[in-house]
């Protein structure tokens, strides 16, 4: 097992508060939260589900009064975010 990773399944509340961080505006905090979750033993599949959920919440919270181009930007960012999760899983498994 890699150094910094604990043995056994993660504690049930190990992802508590992660969605709030993922919905935040601080990229460094988001990266640290994701790295911390992995180090605490959260399986990459569960982590990618958390990321996908946060992405869906972000879309739901986006106001319909925005311009069409704003929607394209949001959807493009969400697509990139959801594509990054499987890539990160592949790197963790290597």
Foldseek 3Di string as FASTA:
>chain_A
DDPLADDDAADPCLCPPLLVQLLDDDPVSNVVSLVNSVSRHHQLVVSLVSQLVSLVVNLVPDDPPDDPVVNVVSVVVSVVSSVVSVVVNVVVVD
